[in-house]
Amino acid sequence: MTDDDEILRYDRMVETALRGVVRKSVEEVIQHGLSGDHHFYITFLTDYPGVDIPDYLHERYPGEMTIVLQYQFSDLEVDNEFLRVTLSFNSVPERLVIPMNAISIFADPSVNFALQFQPMGDELTEADLDAFDGDGPDDDGGGSGGGGDKTGEVVSLDKFRKK
């Protein structure tokens, strides 16, 4: 056993737990829709393995992209590995597939809540997330919900950054 093997990876444990907050938040929206002024800004790394977005979006947002789930989005799904959503870009619906580990920022400005993540190299497992939320495995993997014909928007994170 090396010295590195003896170290408890609390940083990884905290990241896993906080990514569970993202998953649970999206699950709530799938089940009950967005209530009040709640809406989500989700920033993700566009070059992360497993990200599936149209080439023109990848070219326009190399490295990082932010989507907003508020008024117009559809087919929202989440599981331990991926967030999937259909958003409209220039009136063209596009399906985005985002690995949970690719998410770098999750925010709900309506309640001044935000999480910032460090990139995670290894995939999260279902057991990692279930260990922190007390639930069993999520068999349905999400599903449609959250607002029917909703569409998102891409925004700059500059307004959230400290200067």
Protein backbone atom coordinates (compact mmCIF):
# COMPACT_ATOMS: atom_id res chain seq x y z
CA MET A 1 0.00 0.00 0.00
CA THR A 2 1.42 3.38 -0.98
CA ASP A 3 0.96 6.63 0.91
CA ASP A 4 -1.64 7.70 -1.68
CA ASP A 5 -3.68 4.54 -1.02
CA GLU A 6 -3.93 5.40 2.65
CA ILE A 7 -5.43 8.85 2.09
CA LEU A 8 -9.18 9.18 2.29
CA ARG A 9 -10.30 11.15 -0.75
CA TYR A 10 -12.64 13.57 0.99
CA ASP A 11 -12.43 15.89 -1.99
CA ARG A 12 -13.88 13.16 -4.21
CA MET A 13 -16.54 12.32 -1.62
CA VAL A 14 -17.68 15.94 -1.45
CA GLU A 15 -17.72 16.29 -5.24
CA THR A 16 -19.80 13.12 -5.52
CA ALA A 17 -22.25 14.32 -2.88
CA LEU A 18 -22.65 17.72 -4.53
CA ARG A 19 -23.17 16.18 -7.97
CA GLY A 20 -25.93 14.21 -6.27
CA VAL A 21 -27.56 17.56 -5.43
CA VAL A 22 -27.58 18.42 -9.14
CA ARG A 23 -29.14 15.06 -10.02
CA LYS A 24 -31.79 15.34 -7.29
CA SER A 25 -32.64 18.92 -8.34
CA VAL A 26 -33.17 17.85 -11.94
CA GLU A 27 -35.21 14.83 -10.80
CA GLU A 28 -37.49 17.21 -8.87
CA VAL A 29 -38.02 19.27 -12.02
CA ILE A 30 -38.78 16.12 -14.03
CA GLN A 31 -41.38 15.04 -11.47
CA HIS A 32 -42.92 18.38 -10.50
CA GLY A 33 -41.76 21.02 -12.99
CA LEU A 34 -40.05 24.28 -12.09
CA SER A 35 -41.93 26.15 -9.40
CA GLY A 36 -41.88 29.85 -8.71
CA ASP A 37 -38.87 31.62 -10.16
CA HIS A 38 -36.57 28.58 -10.01
CA HIS A 39 -34.39 28.03 -13.06
CA PHE A 40 -31.01 26.41 -13.63
CA TYR A 41 -27.81 27.60 -15.23
CA ILE A 42 -25.72 24.56 -16.10
CA THR A 43 -22.18 25.03 -17.35
CA PHE A 44 -20.35 22.05 -18.78
CA LEU A 45 -17.08 21.21 -20.49
CA THR A 46 -17.79 20.72 -24.18
CA ASP A 47 -14.60 18.69 -24.75
CA TYR A 48 -15.34 16.23 -21.94
CA PRO A 49 -15.61 12.59 -23.10
CA GLY A 50 -19.22 11.61 -23.71
CA VAL A 51 -20.56 15.13 -24.33
CA ASP A 52 -22.87 14.92 -27.33
CA ILE A 53 -23.81 18.30 -28.78
CA PRO A 54 -24.14 19.47 -32.40
CA ASP A 55 -20.86 20.35 -34.10
CA TYR A 56 -21.89 23.98 -34.64
CA LEU A 57 -22.44 24.43 -30.89
CA HIS A 58 -19.11 22.82 -30.11
CA GLU A 59 -17.41 25.18 -32.57
CA ARG A 60 -19.21 28.19 -31.11
CA TYR A 61 -18.50 27.15 -27.51
CA PRO A 62 -15.12 25.43 -27.46
CA GLY A 63 -14.22 24.28 -23.99
CA GLU A 64 -17.26 25.43 -22.03
CA MET A 65 -20.95 26.14 -22.59
CA THR A 66 -23.78 27.29 -20.33
CA ILE A 67 -27.40 26.33 -20.85
CA VAL A 68 -30.44 27.65 -19.02
CA LEU A 69 -33.37 25.46 -18.05
CA GLN A 70 -36.23 27.82 -17.45
CA TYR A 71 -39.05 28.33 -19.92
CA GLN A 72 -38.46 26.24 -22.99
CA PHE A 73 -36.93 22.79 -22.77
CA SER A 74 -38.22 19.26 -23.30
CA ASP A 75 -37.35 15.60 -22.82
CA LEU A 76 -35.38 16.32 -19.66
CA GLU A 77 -33.74 13.17 -18.28
CA VAL A 78 -31.10 12.53 -15.65
CA ASP A 79 -29.41 9.50 -14.18
CA ASN A 80 -26.14 8.94 -12.35
CA GLU A 81 -24.11 9.25 -15.53
CA PHE A 82 -25.85 11.77 -17.82
CA LEU A 83 -28.11 14.78 -18.09
CA ARG A 84 -30.11 14.84 -21.33
CA VAL A 85 -32.30 17.67 -22.57
CA THR A 86 -33.71 19.05 -25.80
CA LEU A 87 -33.26 22.79 -26.29
CA SER A 88 -34.01 25.05 -29.23
CA PHE A 89 -31.20 26.97 -30.93
CA ASN A 90 -32.37 29.40 -33.62
CA SER A 91 -35.74 27.60 -33.58
CA VAL A 92 -34.09 24.22 -34.23
CA PRO A 93 -34.54 21.62 -31.47
CA GLU A 94 -31.28 19.93 -30.50
CA ARG A 95 -30.70 17.03 -28.12
CA LEU A 96 -27.82 17.61 -25.68
CA VAL A 97 -26.23 14.75 -23.78
CA ILE A 98 -24.02 15.90 -20.92
CA PRO A 99 -22.08 13.55 -18.65
CA MET A 100 -22.63 14.51 -15.02
CA ASN A 101 -18.85 14.69 -14.59
CA ALA A 102 -18.67 17.31 -17.37
CA ILE A 103 -20.75 19.79 -15.34
CA SER A 104 -18.53 22.50 -13.90
CA ILE A 105 -21.16 24.90 -12.52
CA PHE A 106 -24.77 24.43 -11.44
CA ALA A 107 -26.74 27.47 -10.30
CA ASP A 108 -30.29 28.46 -9.42
CA PRO A 109 -30.14 32.28 -9.39
CA SER A 110 -33.69 32.56 -8.04
CA VAL A 111 -32.42 31.48 -4.62
CA ASN A 112 -28.80 32.59 -5.02
CA PHE A 113 -27.56 28.99 -5.04
CA ALA A 114 -24.52 27.80 -6.97
CA LEU A 115 -22.10 24.89 -6.98
CA GLN A 116 -18.74 24.86 -8.74
CA PHE A 117 -17.07 21.54 -9.45
CA GLN A 118 -13.56 20.35 -10.14
CA PRO A 119 -13.22 18.12 -13.20
CA MET A 120 -13.54 14.44 -12.29
CA GLY A 121 -11.57 11.96 -14.35
CA ASP A 122 -13.37 8.79 -13.34
CA GLU A 123 -17.05 8.12 -13.96
CA LEU A 124 -19.41 8.39 -11.02
CA THR A 125 -21.07 5.14 -10.15
CA GLU A 126 -24.64 4.66 -9.02
CA ALA A 127 -23.32 3.48 -5.65
CA ASP A 128 -21.32 6.73 -5.24
CA LEU A 129 -24.44 8.85 -5.61
CA ASP A 130 -26.81 6.56 -3.72
CA ALA A 131 -24.45 6.52 -0.76
CA PHE A 132 -25.06 10.23 -0.28
CA ASP A 133 -28.79 10.56 -0.91
CA GLY A 134 -30.22 7.55 0.90
CA ASP A 135 -32.21 6.35 -2.13
CA GLY A 136 -31.94 3.10 -3.96
CA PRO A 137 -31.08 2.85 -7.64
CA ASP A 138 -33.09 5.07 -9.96
CA ASP A 139 -34.63 2.55 -12.32
CA ASP A 140 -36.53 4.88 -14.59
CA GLY A 141 -33.56 7.07 -15.57
CA GLY A 142 -35.61 10.24 -15.67
CA GLY A 143 -38.10 10.77 -18.45
CA SER A 144 -40.07 13.56 -20.00
CA GLY A 145 -41.20 16.37 -17.85
CA GLY A 146 -40.45 19.76 -16.51
CA GLY A 147 -42.31 21.85 -18.97
CA GLY A 148 -43.36 20.41 -22.27
CA ASP A 149 -42.30 22.69 -25.11
CA LYS A 150 -39.60 24.53 -23.23
CA THR A 151 -36.40 25.87 -24.77
CA GLY A 152 -33.14 26.97 -23.17
CA GLU A 153 -30.70 29.73 -23.79
CA VAL A 154 -26.94 30.04 -23.66
CA VAL A 155 -25.57 32.78 -21.43
CA SER A 156 -22.21 34.13 -20.44
CA LEU A 157 -21.08 33.34 -16.92
CA ASP A 158 -19.34 36.70 -16.60
CA LYS A 159 -22.27 38.10 -14.63
CA PHE A 160 -21.73 35.39 -11.99
CA ARG A 161 -17.96 35.73 -11.70
CA LYS A 162 -16.32 37.98 -9.14
CA LYS A 163 -14.25 40.67 -10.74
